Amino acid sequence: MLRQFLVGGGVAVVNIAIHALVMTMVIGTARAAIAKSRSHPSLFLTAVMVPTVSALMVTHALEVTVWALAYSIVDAAPPGTDLLYFAFVNYTTLGYGDVVPVLRWRLLGPITAMNGVLLFGWSTALIFEVMRKALEHISKTSRE
């Protein structure tokens, strides 16, 4: 069991680091866009939110790929399993149950799900904050 927690925890930390790096870049990019905004409010909001959400979706796909790679390295799924699909099902907590991990790695699925839930929550908080700051900027510039 300790081996499962060490592997799962290690992969989770790698994904947290990836997420933190992307979050930092998204925040910096959003701040820069907000600072130099002069366009129509709805276009401005779209121009800030679409790249923000898109970058986060790509990041989540990368993090799922990290899980799939880890599954491959430790042989966590039965032979012939589509590991990317298996990782997506776990990470998103979809839980179809059509593929289950091999017994000795059965905790990796729930650890993957826990990692996904936390990172989706973190992304949601960032999306909300970027939107709040953009709307605050729109409100401020419309009063000027």
Protein backbone atom coordinates (compact mmCIF):
# COMPACT_ATOMS: atom_id res chain seq x y z
CA MET A 1 0.00 0.00 0.00
CA LEU A 2 2.86 2.38 0.80
CA ARG A 3 4.18 1.93 -2.75
CA GLN A 4 0.80 3.02 -4.17
CA PHE A 5 0.76 6.15 -2.00
CA LEU A 6 4.34 7.01 -2.92
CA VAL A 7 3.76 6.60 -6.66
CA GLY A 8 0.36 8.31 -6.56
CA GLY A 9 1.64 11.11 -4.36
CA GLY A 10 4.66 11.63 -6.61
CA VAL A 11 2.52 11.88 -9.73
CA ALA A 12 0.10 14.21 -7.93
CA VAL A 13 2.99 16.50 -6.92
CA VAL A 14 4.25 16.59 -10.53
CA ASN A 15 0.75 17.60 -11.66
CA ILE A 16 0.46 20.21 -8.92
CA ALA A 17 3.77 21.68 -10.11
CA ILE A 18 2.53 21.74 -13.72
CA HIS A 19 -0.69 23.38 -12.60
CA ALA A 20 1.13 25.98 -10.50
CA LEU A 21 3.37 26.88 -13.43
CA VAL A 22 0.45 27.29 -15.81
CA MET A 23 -1.55 29.22 -13.21
CA THR A 24 1.32 31.67 -12.84
CA MET A 25 1.51 32.14 -16.61
CA VAL A 26 -2.28 32.53 -16.96
CA ILE A 27 -2.42 35.11 -14.17
CA GLY A 28 0.45 37.09 -15.70
CA THR A 29 -1.12 37.00 -19.15
CA ALA A 30 -4.55 37.97 -17.85
CA ARG A 31 -3.08 40.86 -15.85
CA ALA A 32 -1.25 42.13 -18.92
CA ALA A 33 -4.40 41.88 -21.05
CA ILE A 34 -6.47 43.66 -18.44
CA ALA A 35 -3.88 46.44 -18.06
CA LYS A 36 -3.86 47.32 -21.75
CA SER A 37 -7.54 46.79 -22.54
CA ARG A 38 -9.26 49.42 -24.64
CA SER A 39 -11.78 47.32 -26.55
CA HIS A 40 -15.52 46.84 -26.26
CA PRO A 41 -16.40 45.24 -22.87
CA SER A 42 -17.91 42.00 -24.21
CA LEU A 43 -15.07 41.51 -26.69
CA PHE A 44 -12.56 42.23 -23.95
CA LEU A 45 -14.17 39.69 -21.60
CA THR A 46 -14.20 37.09 -24.38
CA ALA A 47 -10.58 37.87 -25.26
CA VAL A 48 -9.54 37.26 -21.65
CA MET A 49 -11.74 34.27 -20.77
CA VAL A 50 -11.36 32.10 -23.89
CA PRO A 51 -7.56 31.85 -23.63
CA THR A 52 -7.74 31.41 -19.86
CA VAL A 53 -10.15 28.49 -20.01
CA SER A 54 -8.45 27.00 -23.07
CA ALA A 55 -5.05 27.06 -21.37
CA LEU A 56 -6.52 25.32 -18.34
CA MET A 57 -8.18 22.64 -20.47
CA VAL A 58 -4.88 21.93 -22.22
CA THR A 59 -3.19 21.79 -18.83
CA HIS A 60 -5.69 19.25 -17.52
CA ALA A 61 -5.15 17.12 -20.64
CA LEU A 62 -1.39 17.26 -20.01
CA GLU A 63 -1.93 16.21 -16.40
CA VAL A 64 -4.08 13.27 -17.51
CA THR A 65 -1.25 12.28 -19.85
CA VAL A 66 1.16 12.33 -16.90
CA TRP A 67 -1.16 9.91 -15.08
CA ALA A 68 -1.37 7.68 -18.17
CA LEU A 69 2.42 7.60 -18.36
CA ALA A 70 2.62 6.65 -14.69
CA TYR A 71 0.07 3.87 -15.23
CA SER A 72 2.22 2.61 -18.08
CA ILE A 73 5.44 2.65 -16.05
CA VAL A 74 3.98 0.63 -13.16
CA ASP A 75 1.64 -1.57 -15.24
CA ALA A 76 -1.37 -0.36 -13.28
CA ALA A 77 -3.99 -1.52 -15.78
CA PRO A 78 -4.72 -4.83 -17.46
CA PRO A 79 -2.83 -5.53 -20.70
CA GLY A 80 -4.35 -3.87 -23.76
CA THR A 81 -6.00 -1.05 -21.77
CA ASP A 82 -6.16 2.39 -23.36
CA LEU A 83 -4.22 4.14 -20.61
CA LEU A 84 -5.13 7.67 -21.69
CA TYR A 85 -8.82 6.77 -21.57
CA PHE A 86 -8.34 5.06 -18.19
CA ALA A 87 -6.53 8.12 -16.82
CA PHE A 88 -9.23 10.49 -18.11
CA VAL A 89 -11.99 8.40 -16.53
CA ASN A 90 -10.19 8.44 -13.18
CA TYR A 91 -8.99 12.07 -13.27
CA THR A 92 -12.44 13.41 -14.10
CA THR A 93 -14.07 11.07 -11.54
CA LEU A 94 -16.31 9.81 -14.35
CA GLY A 95 -15.86 6.27 -13.09
CA TYR A 96 -17.39 4.17 -15.86
CA GLY A 97 -15.92 1.09 -14.25
CA ASP A 98 -15.26 -0.60 -17.59
CA VAL A 99 -11.54 -0.65 -16.81
CA VAL A 100 -10.22 -1.24 -13.33
CA PRO A 101 -6.63 -1.16 -12.12
CA VAL A 102 -4.78 -4.36 -11.35
CA LEU A 103 -5.13 -5.32 -7.70
CA ARG A 104 -1.65 -4.25 -6.58
CA TRP A 105 -2.29 -0.69 -7.95
CA ARG A 106 -5.97 -0.27 -7.10
CA LEU A 107 -5.40 2.89 -5.03
CA LEU A 108 -4.01 4.80 -8.03
CA GLY A 109 -7.52 5.33 -9.41
CA PRO A 110 -8.83 7.11 -6.31
CA ILE A 111 -5.57 9.05 -5.92
CA THR A 112 -5.90 10.16 -9.56
CA ALA A 113 -9.50 11.22 -8.91
CA MET A 114 -8.50 13.17 -5.80
CA ASN A 115 -5.79 14.94 -7.79
CA GLY A 116 -8.22 15.78 -10.57
CA VAL A 117 -10.91 17.13 -8.22
CA LEU A 118 -8.40 19.37 -6.46
CA LEU A 119 -6.91 20.69 -9.69
CA PHE A 120 -10.35 21.28 -11.24
CA GLY A 121 -11.31 23.23 -8.12
CA TRP A 122 -8.13 25.27 -8.36
CA SER A 123 -8.86 25.98 -12.03
CA THR A 124 -12.41 27.02 -11.21
CA ALA A 125 -11.14 29.45 -8.58
CA LEU A 126 -8.73 30.96 -11.11
CA ILE A 127 -11.41 31.27 -13.80
CA PHE A 128 -13.66 33.05 -11.33
CA GLU A 129 -10.88 35.41 -10.21
CA VAL A 130 -9.82 36.28 -13.77
CA MET A 131 -13.44 36.97 -14.68
CA ARG A 132 -13.94 39.05 -11.53
CA LYS A 133 -10.85 41.15 -12.26
CA ALA A 134 -11.86 41.61 -15.92
CA LEU A 135 -15.37 42.70 -14.94
CA GLU A 136 -13.93 45.03 -12.30
CA HIS A 137 -11.70 46.56 -14.99
CA ILE A 138 -14.67 46.94 -17.37
CA SER A 139 -16.67 48.64 -14.63
CA LYS A 140 -13.79 50.98 -13.78
CA THR A 141 -13.12 51.98 -17.39
CA SER A 142 -16.81 52.57 -18.13
CA ARG A 143 -16.97 55.10 -15.26
CA GLU A 144 -14.00 57.06 -16.62
